[in-house]
Amino acid sequence: MANDDLFLLGLLELPEAVIARRVLEAEGLSLDRAIAEVRVRGDVPSESPHGLLFPAAYNELLGRAQGFAATLGDGSITPEHVLLALIWDPTNMASGLLWRLHVVRERLVDRLREAGVAVPDVQIPEQREIEYADRVWFDRTETQRVLDHVHKRVPPGTAWGFNYEDDRAWIQGESTVDMEALVSEALAE
């Protein structure tokens, strides 16, 4: 599954001359260090006929990178726009990975600026450590019912997300949310 942390790995595999890679490495993040922390196989068996799956977070990341490219550049997405998109959301997997590896997102933005890359002129959203509970699985056909129910019950600002894998779907949230109970409630309605 193409989670946003895989894009972080992709940035670290770019040629050494690419600013985004140099900025990450200057903060002590190497490909080997990152890959040791990233789950690269997902929950789908490697022989899945569906190949690589793209979660909703991929589209969110793409939209944010397009926004940075449109407002800070000529409209073409660069690796630096992808890096900004990854670190600008403090609740995504890439930001969490950077947090666990003690890479400070604000220093990445400062290094991009020092390298001549246009960056937003506003404070980066505050990072907070998020402990996620286990994924709760359910039949994919029930996704809209589950999402509608969870959206009504989870307080604003609480991190949670979902995705599909084959005929199943999963939802996951902060450990303070009893997602299993919410899914059960939704399916019982």
N, C-alpha and C. Protein backbone atom coordinates (compact mmCIF):
# COMPACT_ATOMS: atom_id res chain seq x y z
N MET A 1 0.84 -1.17 0.00
CA MET A 1 0.00 0.00 0.00
C MET A 1 0.89 1.24 0.00
N ALA A 2 0.54 2.22 -0.79
CA ALA A 2 1.36 3.42 -0.95
C ALA A 2 1.01 4.46 0.11
N ASN A 3 1.40 4.21 1.35
CA ASN A 3 1.19 5.20 2.40
C ASN A 3 2.17 6.35 2.22
N ASP A 4 1.91 7.45 2.90
CA ASP A 4 2.74 8.64 2.70
C ASP A 4 4.18 8.42 3.16
N ASP A 5 4.42 7.50 4.08
CA ASP A 5 5.80 7.27 4.50
C ASP A 5 6.64 6.66 3.38
N LEU A 6 5.99 5.99 2.41
CA LEU A 6 6.74 5.48 1.27
C LEU A 6 7.25 6.61 0.38
N PHE A 7 6.54 7.73 0.36
CA PHE A 7 7.02 8.88 -0.40
C PHE A 7 8.26 9.47 0.26
N LEU A 8 8.33 9.39 1.57
CA LEU A 8 9.53 9.82 2.28
C LEU A 8 10.72 8.96 1.86
N LEU A 9 10.49 7.65 1.75
CA LEU A 9 11.55 6.76 1.27
C LEU A 9 11.95 7.13 -0.16
N GLY A 10 10.95 7.45 -0.98
CA GLY A 10 11.23 7.84 -2.36
C GLY A 10 12.11 9.07 -2.44
N LEU A 11 11.85 10.05 -1.57
CA LEU A 11 12.69 11.26 -1.56
C LEU A 11 14.13 10.92 -1.21
N LEU A 12 14.31 9.96 -0.30
CA LEU A 12 15.66 9.58 0.11
C LEU A 12 16.39 8.75 -0.95
N GLU A 13 15.66 8.26 -1.95
CA GLU A 13 16.28 7.50 -3.03
C GLU A 13 16.57 8.35 -4.26
N LEU A 14 16.21 9.62 -4.22
CA LEU A 14 16.49 10.50 -5.35
C LEU A 14 17.99 10.79 -5.43
N PRO A 15 18.46 11.30 -6.56
CA PRO A 15 19.89 11.64 -6.68
C PRO A 15 20.34 12.59 -5.58
N GLU A 16 21.59 12.50 -5.22
CA GLU A 16 22.15 13.30 -4.12
C GLU A 16 22.02 14.80 -4.34
N ALA A 17 21.94 15.24 -5.58
CA ALA A 17 21.85 16.67 -5.87
C ALA A 17 20.47 17.26 -5.56
N VAL A 18 19.46 16.42 -5.36
CA VAL A 18 18.10 16.91 -5.11
C VAL A 18 18.03 17.53 -3.71
N ILE A 19 17.55 18.75 -3.64
CA ILE A 19 17.53 19.50 -2.38
C ILE A 19 16.75 18.76 -1.30
N ALA A 20 15.59 18.21 -1.63
CA ALA A 20 14.77 17.52 -0.63
C ALA A 20 15.57 16.40 0.05
N ARG A 21 16.30 15.64 -0.73
CA ARG A 21 17.11 14.56 -0.15
C ARG A 21 18.22 15.14 0.72
N ARG A 22 18.90 16.16 0.23
CA ARG A 22 19.99 16.76 1.01
C ARG A 22 19.49 17.31 2.34
N VAL A 23 18.32 17.92 2.33
CA VAL A 23 17.74 18.49 3.55
C VAL A 23 17.44 17.39 4.56
N LEU A 24 16.84 16.30 4.10
CA LEU A 24 16.54 15.18 4.99
C LEU A 24 17.82 14.57 5.56
N GLU A 25 18.81 14.37 4.72
CA GLU A 25 20.06 13.78 5.18
C GLU A 25 20.82 14.72 6.12
N ALA A 26 20.71 16.03 5.90
CA ALA A 26 21.38 16.99 6.79
C ALA A 26 20.79 16.93 8.20
N GLU A 27 19.56 16.46 8.32
CA GLU A 27 18.93 16.30 9.63
C GLU A 27 19.10 14.88 10.17
N GLY A 28 19.97 14.10 9.53
CA GLY A 28 20.31 12.78 10.04
C GLY A 28 19.42 11.65 9.57
N LEU A 29 18.58 11.89 8.57
CA LEU A 29 17.71 10.84 8.08
C LEU A 29 18.30 10.22 6.83
N SER A 30 18.72 8.98 6.94
CA SER A 30 19.25 8.25 5.79
C SER A 30 18.19 7.26 5.32
N LEU A 31 18.38 6.75 4.12
CA LEU A 31 17.46 5.74 3.60
C LEU A 31 17.44 4.51 4.50
N ASP A 32 18.61 4.05 4.92
CA ASP A 32 18.67 2.87 5.79
C ASP A 32 17.95 3.10 7.11
N ARG A 33 18.12 4.26 7.69
CA ARG A 33 17.47 4.58 8.97
C ARG A 33 15.95 4.63 8.80
N ALA A 34 15.49 5.23 7.71
CA ALA A 34 14.05 5.34 7.48
C ALA A 34 13.42 4.00 7.14
N ILE A 35 14.09 3.24 6.29
CA ILE A 35 13.50 1.97 5.84
C ILE A 35 13.35 0.98 6.99
N ALA A 36 14.20 1.11 7.99
CA ALA A 36 14.09 0.23 9.15
C ALA A 36 12.80 0.49 9.93
N GLU A 37 12.21 1.67 9.75
CA GLU A 37 11.00 2.06 10.48
C GLU A 37 9.72 1.95 9.67
N VAL A 38 9.83 1.79 8.37
CA VAL A 38 8.66 1.82 7.49
C VAL A 38 8.16 0.41 7.22
N ARG A 39 6.87 0.25 7.32
CA ARG A 39 6.23 -1.02 6.98
C ARG A 39 5.99 -1.01 5.49
N VAL A 40 6.73 -1.81 4.75
CA VAL A 40 6.68 -1.71 3.30
C VAL A 40 5.77 -2.72 2.62
N ARG A 41 5.25 -3.70 3.33
CA ARG A 41 4.42 -4.70 2.66
C ARG A 41 2.94 -4.49 2.91
N GLY A 42 2.56 -3.73 3.91
CA GLY A 42 1.15 -3.53 4.18
C GLY A 42 0.49 -4.80 4.68
N ASP A 43 -0.83 -4.83 4.65
CA ASP A 43 -1.57 -5.99 5.12
C ASP A 43 -2.01 -6.90 3.99
N VAL A 44 -1.73 -6.52 2.76
CA VAL A 44 -2.12 -7.33 1.62
C VAL A 44 -1.01 -8.31 1.33
N PRO A 45 -1.33 -9.59 1.19
CA PRO A 45 -0.28 -10.55 0.84
C PRO A 45 0.40 -10.12 -0.46
N SER A 46 1.68 -10.43 -0.57
CA SER A 46 2.45 -9.98 -1.73
C SER A 46 1.91 -10.56 -3.04
N GLU A 47 1.17 -11.66 -2.99
CA GLU A 47 0.63 -12.23 -4.21
C GLU A 47 -0.75 -11.67 -4.56
N SER A 48 -1.13 -10.56 -3.95
CA SER A 48 -2.43 -9.97 -4.22
C SER A 48 -2.57 -9.59 -5.70
N PRO A 49 -3.70 -9.92 -6.31
CA PRO A 49 -3.91 -9.57 -7.72
C PRO A 49 -4.16 -8.08 -7.93
N HIS A 50 -4.35 -7.35 -6.84
CA HIS A 50 -4.68 -5.93 -6.94
C HIS A 50 -3.45 -5.03 -7.04
N GLY A 51 -2.27 -5.58 -6.82
CA GLY A 51 -1.06 -4.79 -6.92
C GLY A 51 -0.98 -3.70 -5.87
N LEU A 52 -0.34 -2.61 -6.20
CA LEU A 52 -0.15 -1.50 -5.28
C LEU A 52 -1.47 -0.76 -5.08
N LEU A 53 -1.83 -0.54 -3.82
CA LEU A 53 -3.07 0.16 -3.49
C LEU A 53 -2.74 1.57 -3.01
N PHE A 54 -3.60 2.53 -3.33
CA PHE A 54 -3.39 3.92 -2.95
C PHE A 54 -4.48 4.35 -1.98
N PRO A 55 -4.12 4.60 -0.72
CA PRO A 55 -5.12 5.01 0.27
C PRO A 55 -5.56 6.45 0.04
N ALA A 56 -6.60 6.84 0.77
CA ALA A 56 -7.10 8.20 0.68
C ALA A 56 -6.00 9.21 1.03
N ALA A 57 -5.10 8.85 1.92
CA ALA A 57 -4.01 9.75 2.30
C ALA A 57 -3.13 10.11 1.12
N TYR A 58 -3.02 9.22 0.13
CA TYR A 58 -2.23 9.52 -1.07
C TYR A 58 -2.82 10.72 -1.80
N ASN A 59 -4.14 10.71 -1.98
CA ASN A 59 -4.79 11.83 -2.68
C ASN A 59 -4.69 13.12 -1.89
N GLU A 60 -4.76 13.01 -0.58
CA GLU A 60 -4.59 14.19 0.26
C GLU A 60 -3.19 14.77 0.11
N LEU A 61 -2.19 13.89 0.12
CA LEU A 61 -0.80 14.31 -0.07
C LEU A 61 -0.61 14.95 -1.44
N LEU A 62 -1.15 14.31 -2.46
CA LEU A 62 -1.03 14.84 -3.82
C LEU A 62 -1.65 16.23 -3.91
N GLY A 63 -2.83 16.41 -3.34
CA GLY A 63 -3.48 17.71 -3.36
C GLY A 63 -2.68 18.78 -2.63
N ARG A 64 -2.09 18.42 -1.50
CA ARG A 64 -1.28 19.38 -0.75
C ARG A 64 -0.03 19.74 -1.55
N ALA A 65 0.62 18.75 -2.19
CA ALA A 65 1.81 19.02 -3.01
C ALA A 65 1.44 19.92 -4.19
N GLN A 66 0.30 19.67 -4.81
CA GLN A 66 -0.16 20.51 -5.92
C GLN A 66 -0.42 21.95 -5.43
N GLY A 67 -0.96 22.07 -4.23
CA GLY A 67 -1.19 23.40 -3.66
C GLY A 67 0.11 24.15 -3.42
N PHE A 68 1.12 23.46 -2.87
CA PHE A 68 2.42 24.10 -2.68
C PHE A 68 3.04 24.48 -4.02
N ALA A 69 2.92 23.59 -5.01
CA ALA A 69 3.48 23.88 -6.33
C ALA A 69 2.79 25.08 -6.96
N ALA A 70 1.50 25.20 -6.81
CA ALA A 70 0.74 26.30 -7.41
C ALA A 70 1.02 27.63 -6.73
N THR A 71 1.18 27.61 -5.40
CA THR A 71 1.35 28.87 -4.68
C THR A 71 2.80 29.28 -4.50
N LEU A 72 3.72 28.31 -4.54
CA LEU A 72 5.13 28.62 -4.26
C LEU A 72 6.04 28.47 -5.47
N GLY A 73 5.51 27.91 -6.56
CA GLY A 73 6.35 27.64 -7.72
C GLY A 73 5.63 27.95 -9.01
N ASP A 74 5.98 27.20 -10.03
CA ASP A 74 5.39 27.43 -11.36
C ASP A 74 4.24 26.48 -11.65
N GLY A 75 3.82 25.73 -10.66
CA GLY A 75 2.73 24.79 -10.83
C GLY A 75 3.17 23.36 -11.00
N SER A 76 4.45 23.14 -11.31
CA SER A 76 4.98 21.78 -11.44
C SER A 76 5.43 21.28 -10.07
N ILE A 77 5.00 20.09 -9.72
CA ILE A 77 5.38 19.53 -8.42
C ILE A 77 6.83 19.09 -8.45
N THR A 78 7.58 19.54 -7.46
CA THR A 78 8.98 19.14 -7.30
C THR A 78 9.11 18.25 -6.06
N PRO A 79 10.23 17.58 -5.90
CA PRO A 79 10.43 16.80 -4.67
C PRO A 79 10.30 17.67 -3.41
N GLU A 80 10.67 18.93 -3.53
CA GLU A 80 10.58 19.82 -2.37
C GLU A 80 9.12 20.09 -2.00
N HIS A 81 8.25 20.18 -3.00
CA HIS A 81 6.82 20.34 -2.72
C HIS A 81 6.26 19.09 -2.05
N VAL A 82 6.74 17.93 -2.48
CA VAL A 82 6.31 16.67 -1.86
C VAL A 82 6.77 16.63 -0.41
N LEU A 83 8.01 17.04 -0.15
CA LEU A 83 8.52 17.07 1.22
C LEU A 83 7.68 18.02 2.07
N LEU A 84 7.39 19.20 1.57
CA LEU A 84 6.54 20.14 2.31
C LEU A 84 5.17 19.52 2.58
N ALA A 85 4.60 18.85 1.59
CA ALA A 85 3.29 18.22 1.77
C ALA A 85 3.33 17.14 2.84
N LEU A 86 4.43 16.39 2.88
CA LEU A 86 4.56 15.34 3.88
C LEU A 86 4.66 15.90 5.29
N ILE A 87 5.46 16.92 5.45
CA ILE A 87 5.70 17.43 6.81
C ILE A 87 4.67 18.43 7.27
N TRP A 88 3.84 18.95 6.36
CA TRP A 88 2.89 19.98 6.76
C TRP A 88 1.68 19.39 7.50
N ASP A 89 1.46 18.10 7.37
CA ASP A 89 0.37 17.45 8.10
C ASP A 89 0.98 16.73 9.30
N PRO A 90 0.77 17.24 10.51
CA PRO A 90 1.41 16.64 11.68
C PRO A 90 0.81 15.29 12.07
N THR A 91 -0.26 14.86 11.42
CA THR A 91 -0.90 13.60 11.81
C THR A 91 -0.65 12.47 10.83
N ASN A 92 0.09 12.72 9.73
CA ASN A 92 0.28 11.64 8.77
C ASN A 92 1.42 10.72 9.21
N MET A 93 1.56 9.61 8.51
CA MET A 93 2.56 8.61 8.89
C MET A 93 3.98 9.14 8.73
N ALA A 94 4.24 9.94 7.70
CA ALA A 94 5.59 10.48 7.49
C ALA A 94 5.97 11.41 8.63
N SER A 95 5.07 12.29 9.05
CA SER A 95 5.37 13.18 10.17
C SER A 95 5.60 12.38 11.44
N GLY A 96 4.82 11.33 11.64
CA GLY A 96 5.02 10.47 12.80
C GLY A 96 6.36 9.77 12.76
N LEU A 97 6.77 9.33 11.58
CA LEU A 97 8.07 8.69 11.41
C LEU A 97 9.19 9.68 11.74
N LEU A 98 9.08 10.88 11.21
CA LEU A 98 10.09 11.90 11.51
C LEU A 98 10.15 12.18 13.02
N TRP A 99 9.00 12.24 13.65
CA TRP A 99 8.91 12.48 15.10
C TRP A 99 9.66 11.38 15.85
N ARG A 100 9.39 10.12 15.51
CA ARG A 100 10.02 8.98 16.19
C ARG A 100 11.54 8.98 15.98
N LEU A 101 11.98 9.48 14.83
CA LEU A 101 13.41 9.50 14.53
C LEU A 101 14.08 10.81 14.94
N HIS A 102 13.33 11.65 15.65
CA HIS A 102 13.84 12.91 16.19
C HIS A 102 14.30 13.89 15.11
N VAL A 103 13.62 13.87 13.98
CA VAL A 103 13.87 14.84 12.91
C VAL A 103 12.84 15.95 13.09
N VAL A 104 13.31 17.16 13.26
CA VAL A 104 12.43 18.30 13.54
C VAL A 104 11.94 18.90 12.23
N ARG A 105 10.64 18.89 12.03
CA ARG A 105 10.05 19.38 10.78
C ARG A 105 10.37 20.85 10.54
N GLU A 106 10.38 21.65 11.58
CA GLU A 106 10.68 23.07 11.42
C GLU A 106 12.09 23.29 10.88
N ARG A 107 13.03 22.46 11.31
CA ARG A 107 14.40 22.59 10.79
C ARG A 107 14.46 22.19 9.32
N LEU A 108 13.62 21.23 8.91
CA LEU A 108 13.57 20.87 7.50
C LEU A 108 13.09 22.07 6.67
N VAL A 109 12.07 22.76 7.16
CA VAL A 109 11.56 23.94 6.45
C VAL A 109 12.64 25.02 6.41
N ASP A 110 13.34 25.23 7.52
CA ASP A 110 14.42 26.23 7.54
C ASP A 110 15.52 25.86 6.54
N ARG A 111 15.88 24.60 6.45
CA ARG A 111 16.92 24.16 5.52
C ARG A 111 16.47 24.33 4.06
N LEU A 112 15.19 24.05 3.80
CA LEU A 112 14.67 24.29 2.44
C LEU A 112 14.78 25.77 2.10
N ARG A 113 14.37 26.63 3.04
CA ARG A 113 14.44 28.08 2.82
C ARG A 113 15.89 28.52 2.57
N GLU A 114 16.82 28.01 3.38
CA GLU A 114 18.24 28.36 3.23
C GLU A 114 18.79 27.90 1.88
N ALA A 115 18.23 26.83 1.32
CA ALA A 115 18.68 26.31 0.03
C ALA A 115 18.02 27.04 -1.14
N GLY A 116 17.21 28.06 -0.83
CA GLY A 116 16.59 28.85 -1.88
C GLY A 116 15.23 28.35 -2.34
N VAL A 117 14.66 27.39 -1.64
CA VAL A 117 13.35 26.87 -1.98
C VAL A 117 12.28 27.77 -1.35
N ALA A 118 11.28 28.13 -2.13
CA ALA A 118 10.17 28.92 -1.59
C ALA A 118 9.36 28.03 -0.64
N VAL A 119 9.12 28.53 0.56
CA VAL A 119 8.35 27.80 1.57
C VAL A 119 7.25 28.71 2.09
N PRO A 120 6.19 28.16 2.67
CA PRO A 120 5.12 29.00 3.21
C PRO A 120 5.66 29.97 4.25
N ASP A 121 5.07 31.12 4.28
CA ASP A 121 5.49 32.17 5.21
C ASP A 121 4.67 32.13 6.50
N VAL A 122 4.21 30.96 6.86
CA VAL A 122 3.43 30.78 8.09
C VAL A 122 4.05 29.65 8.90
N GLN A 123 3.69 29.61 10.17
CA GLN A 123 4.20 28.58 11.07
C GLN A 123 3.69 27.21 10.65
N ILE A 124 4.56 26.22 10.67
CA ILE A 124 4.17 24.85 10.36
C ILE A 124 3.22 24.36 11.47
N PRO A 125 2.18 23.59 11.12
CA PRO A 125 1.26 23.09 12.14
C PRO A 125 2.02 22.29 13.21
N GLU A 126 1.59 22.46 14.44
CA GLU A 126 2.29 21.85 15.58
C GLU A 126 2.23 20.33 15.53
N GLN A 127 3.37 19.71 15.76
CA GLN A 127 3.48 18.25 15.83
C GLN A 127 3.06 17.79 17.21
N ARG A 128 2.38 16.67 17.25
CA ARG A 128 2.10 16.05 18.53
C ARG A 128 2.22 14.55 18.33
N GLU A 129 2.67 13.89 19.36
CA GLU A 129 2.80 12.44 19.27
C GLU A 129 1.43 11.82 19.29
N ILE A 130 1.20 10.90 18.37
CA ILE A 130 -0.10 10.23 18.29
C ILE A 130 0.13 8.74 18.44
N GLU A 131 -0.55 8.17 19.41
CA GLU A 131 -0.51 6.72 19.58
C GLU A 131 -1.79 6.17 18.96
N TYR A 132 -1.62 5.38 17.91
CA TYR A 132 -2.77 4.82 17.21
C TYR A 132 -3.13 3.46 17.78
N ALA A 133 -4.42 3.18 17.82
CA ALA A 133 -4.91 1.86 18.20
C ALA A 133 -4.81 0.95 16.98
N ASP A 134 -5.10 -0.31 17.16
CA ASP A 134 -5.07 -1.26 16.05
C ASP A 134 -6.17 -0.93 15.04
N ARG A 135 -5.96 -1.38 13.83
CA ARG A 135 -6.97 -1.22 12.79
C ARG A 135 -8.18 -2.09 13.11
N VAL A 136 -9.34 -1.57 12.78
CA VAL A 136 -10.58 -2.32 12.92
C VAL A 136 -11.07 -2.61 11.51
N TRP A 137 -11.24 -3.88 11.18
CA TRP A 137 -11.60 -4.32 9.84
C TRP A 137 -13.09 -4.55 9.73
N PHE A 138 -13.64 -4.31 8.54
CA PHE A 138 -15.06 -4.56 8.28
C PHE A 138 -15.25 -4.72 6.78
N ASP A 139 -16.43 -5.14 6.38
CA ASP A 139 -16.74 -5.35 4.97
C ASP A 139 -16.71 -4.00 4.25
N ARG A 140 -16.06 -3.97 3.11
CA ARG A 140 -15.89 -2.72 2.36
C ARG A 140 -17.22 -2.07 1.99
N THR A 141 -18.26 -2.86 1.79
CA THR A 141 -19.57 -2.30 1.42
C THR A 141 -20.18 -1.47 2.54
N GLU A 142 -19.66 -1.61 3.74
CA GLU A 142 -20.18 -0.87 4.90
C GLU A 142 -19.40 0.42 5.18
N THR A 143 -18.48 0.76 4.30
CA THR A 143 -17.58 1.89 4.56
C THR A 143 -18.33 3.19 4.82
N GLN A 144 -19.26 3.56 3.96
CA GLN A 144 -19.93 4.86 4.14
C GLN A 144 -20.69 4.91 5.46
N ARG A 145 -21.35 3.81 5.81
CA ARG A 145 -22.09 3.78 7.08
C ARG A 145 -21.14 3.97 8.26
N VAL A 146 -20.00 3.26 8.23
CA VAL A 146 -19.02 3.37 9.31
C VAL A 146 -18.46 4.79 9.37
N LEU A 147 -18.07 5.35 8.23
CA LEU A 147 -17.49 6.70 8.22
C LEU A 147 -18.48 7.74 8.72
N ASP A 148 -19.73 7.64 8.29
CA ASP A 148 -20.73 8.60 8.76
C ASP A 148 -20.90 8.54 10.27
N HIS A 149 -20.93 7.32 10.81
CA HIS A 149 -21.09 7.15 12.25
C HIS A 149 -19.88 7.68 13.02
N VAL A 150 -18.68 7.30 12.57
CA VAL A 150 -17.46 7.73 13.26
C VAL A 150 -17.32 9.25 13.19
N HIS A 151 -17.61 9.83 12.03
CA HIS A 151 -17.50 11.28 11.87
C HIS A 151 -18.37 12.03 12.87
N LYS A 152 -19.53 11.49 13.19
CA LYS A 152 -20.44 12.14 14.15
C LYS A 152 -19.99 11.96 15.59
N ARG A 153 -19.23 10.90 15.88
CA ARG A 153 -18.89 10.55 17.26
C ARG A 153 -17.48 10.94 17.70
N VAL A 154 -16.58 11.14 16.77
CA VAL A 154 -15.19 11.44 17.14
C VAL A 154 -15.02 12.96 17.23
N PRO A 155 -14.45 13.45 18.32
CA PRO A 155 -14.28 14.90 18.49
C PRO A 155 -13.37 15.51 17.41
N PRO A 156 -13.67 16.74 17.00
CA PRO A 156 -12.79 17.42 16.03
C PRO A 156 -11.35 17.47 16.55
N GLY A 157 -10.41 17.35 15.64
CA GLY A 157 -9.00 17.38 16.01
C GLY A 157 -8.43 16.02 16.37
N THR A 158 -9.29 15.00 16.43
CA THR A 158 -8.83 13.65 16.72
C THR A 158 -8.34 13.01 15.43
N ALA A 159 -7.16 12.41 15.47
CA ALA A 159 -6.59 11.78 14.28
C ALA A 159 -7.22 10.41 14.06
N TRP A 160 -7.71 10.19 12.86
CA TRP A 160 -8.22 8.88 12.46
C TRP A 160 -8.23 8.82 10.95
N GLY A 161 -8.27 7.62 10.41
CA GLY A 161 -8.29 7.46 8.97
C GLY A 161 -8.76 6.07 8.61
N PHE A 162 -8.94 5.85 7.31
CA PHE A 162 -9.43 4.56 6.84
C PHE A 162 -8.80 4.26 5.49
N ASN A 163 -8.99 3.02 5.06
CA ASN A 163 -8.55 2.63 3.73
C ASN A 163 -9.21 1.31 3.37
N TYR A 164 -9.02 0.91 2.11
CA TYR A 164 -9.56 -0.33 1.58
C TYR A 164 -8.43 -1.28 1.25
N GLU A 165 -8.71 -2.54 1.36
CA GLU A 165 -7.84 -3.59 0.85
C GLU A 165 -8.74 -4.71 0.36
N ASP A 166 -8.77 -4.88 -0.94
CA ASP A 166 -9.63 -5.88 -1.57
C ASP A 166 -11.08 -5.62 -1.18
N ASP A 167 -11.76 -6.63 -0.64
CA ASP A 167 -13.17 -6.48 -0.29
C ASP A 167 -13.35 -6.06 1.17
N ARG A 168 -12.26 -5.73 1.82
CA ARG A 168 -12.31 -5.29 3.22
C ARG A 168 -11.93 -3.82 3.31
N ALA A 169 -12.30 -3.22 4.41
CA ALA A 169 -11.89 -1.86 4.73
C ALA A 169 -11.42 -1.86 6.18
N TRP A 170 -10.62 -0.87 6.52
CA TRP A 170 -10.20 -0.72 7.90
C TRP A 170 -10.30 0.73 8.31
N ILE A 171 -10.42 0.93 9.60
CA ILE A 171 -10.42 2.28 10.17
C ILE A 171 -9.52 2.22 11.38
N GLN A 172 -8.84 3.31 11.62
CA GLN A 172 -7.88 3.37 12.72
C GLN A 172 -7.92 4.77 13.30
N GLY A 173 -7.79 4.86 14.59
CA GLY A 173 -7.80 6.18 15.23
C GLY A 173 -6.85 6.22 16.41
N GLU A 174 -6.80 7.39 17.00
CA GLU A 174 -5.98 7.54 18.19
C GLU A 174 -6.41 6.52 19.23
N SER A 175 -5.48 6.11 20.07
CA SER A 175 -5.76 5.06 21.05
C SER A 175 -6.82 5.48 22.07
N THR A 176 -7.11 6.77 22.17
CA THR A 176 -8.14 7.24 23.10
C THR A 176 -9.55 6.99 22.58
N VAL A 177 -9.66 6.60 21.31
CA VAL A 177 -10.96 6.36 20.69
C VAL A 177 -11.20 4.85 20.63
N ASP A 178 -12.36 4.41 21.11
CA ASP A 178 -12.71 3.00 21.02
C ASP A 178 -13.33 2.76 19.65
N MET A 179 -12.47 2.66 18.65
CA MET A 179 -12.93 2.53 17.27
C MET A 179 -13.69 1.23 17.06
N GLU A 180 -13.29 0.18 17.76
CA GLU A 180 -13.99 -1.09 17.63
C GLU A 180 -15.45 -0.94 18.04
N ALA A 181 -15.70 -0.23 19.14
CA ALA A 181 -17.07 -0.01 19.60
C ALA A 181 -17.84 0.85 18.60
N LEU A 182 -17.18 1.87 18.03
CA LEU A 182 -17.86 2.73 17.07
C LEU A 182 -18.23 1.97 15.80
N VAL A 183 -17.34 1.10 15.35
CA VAL A 183 -17.65 0.30 14.16
C VAL A 183 -18.81 -0.64 14.47
N SER A 184 -18.80 -1.26 15.64
CA SER A 184 -19.90 -2.16 16.03
C SER A 184 -21.23 -1.41 16.06
N GLU A 185 -21.21 -0.20 16.63
CA GLU A 185 -22.42 0.62 16.69
C GLU A 185 -22.92 0.92 15.27
N ALA A 186 -21.99 1.31 14.40
CA ALA A 186 -22.37 1.67 13.03
C ALA A 186 -22.99 0.49 12.30
N LEU A 187 -22.43 -0.67 12.47
CA LEU A 187 -22.92 -1.86 11.78
C LEU A 187 -24.24 -2.37 12.36
N ALA A 188 -24.50 -2.00 13.61
CA ALA A 188 -25.75 -2.43 14.26
C ALA A 188 -26.92 -1.52 13.90
N GLU A 189 -26.65 -0.35 13.38
CA GLU A 189 -27.72 0.61 13.04
C GLU A 189 -28.54 0.12 11.88
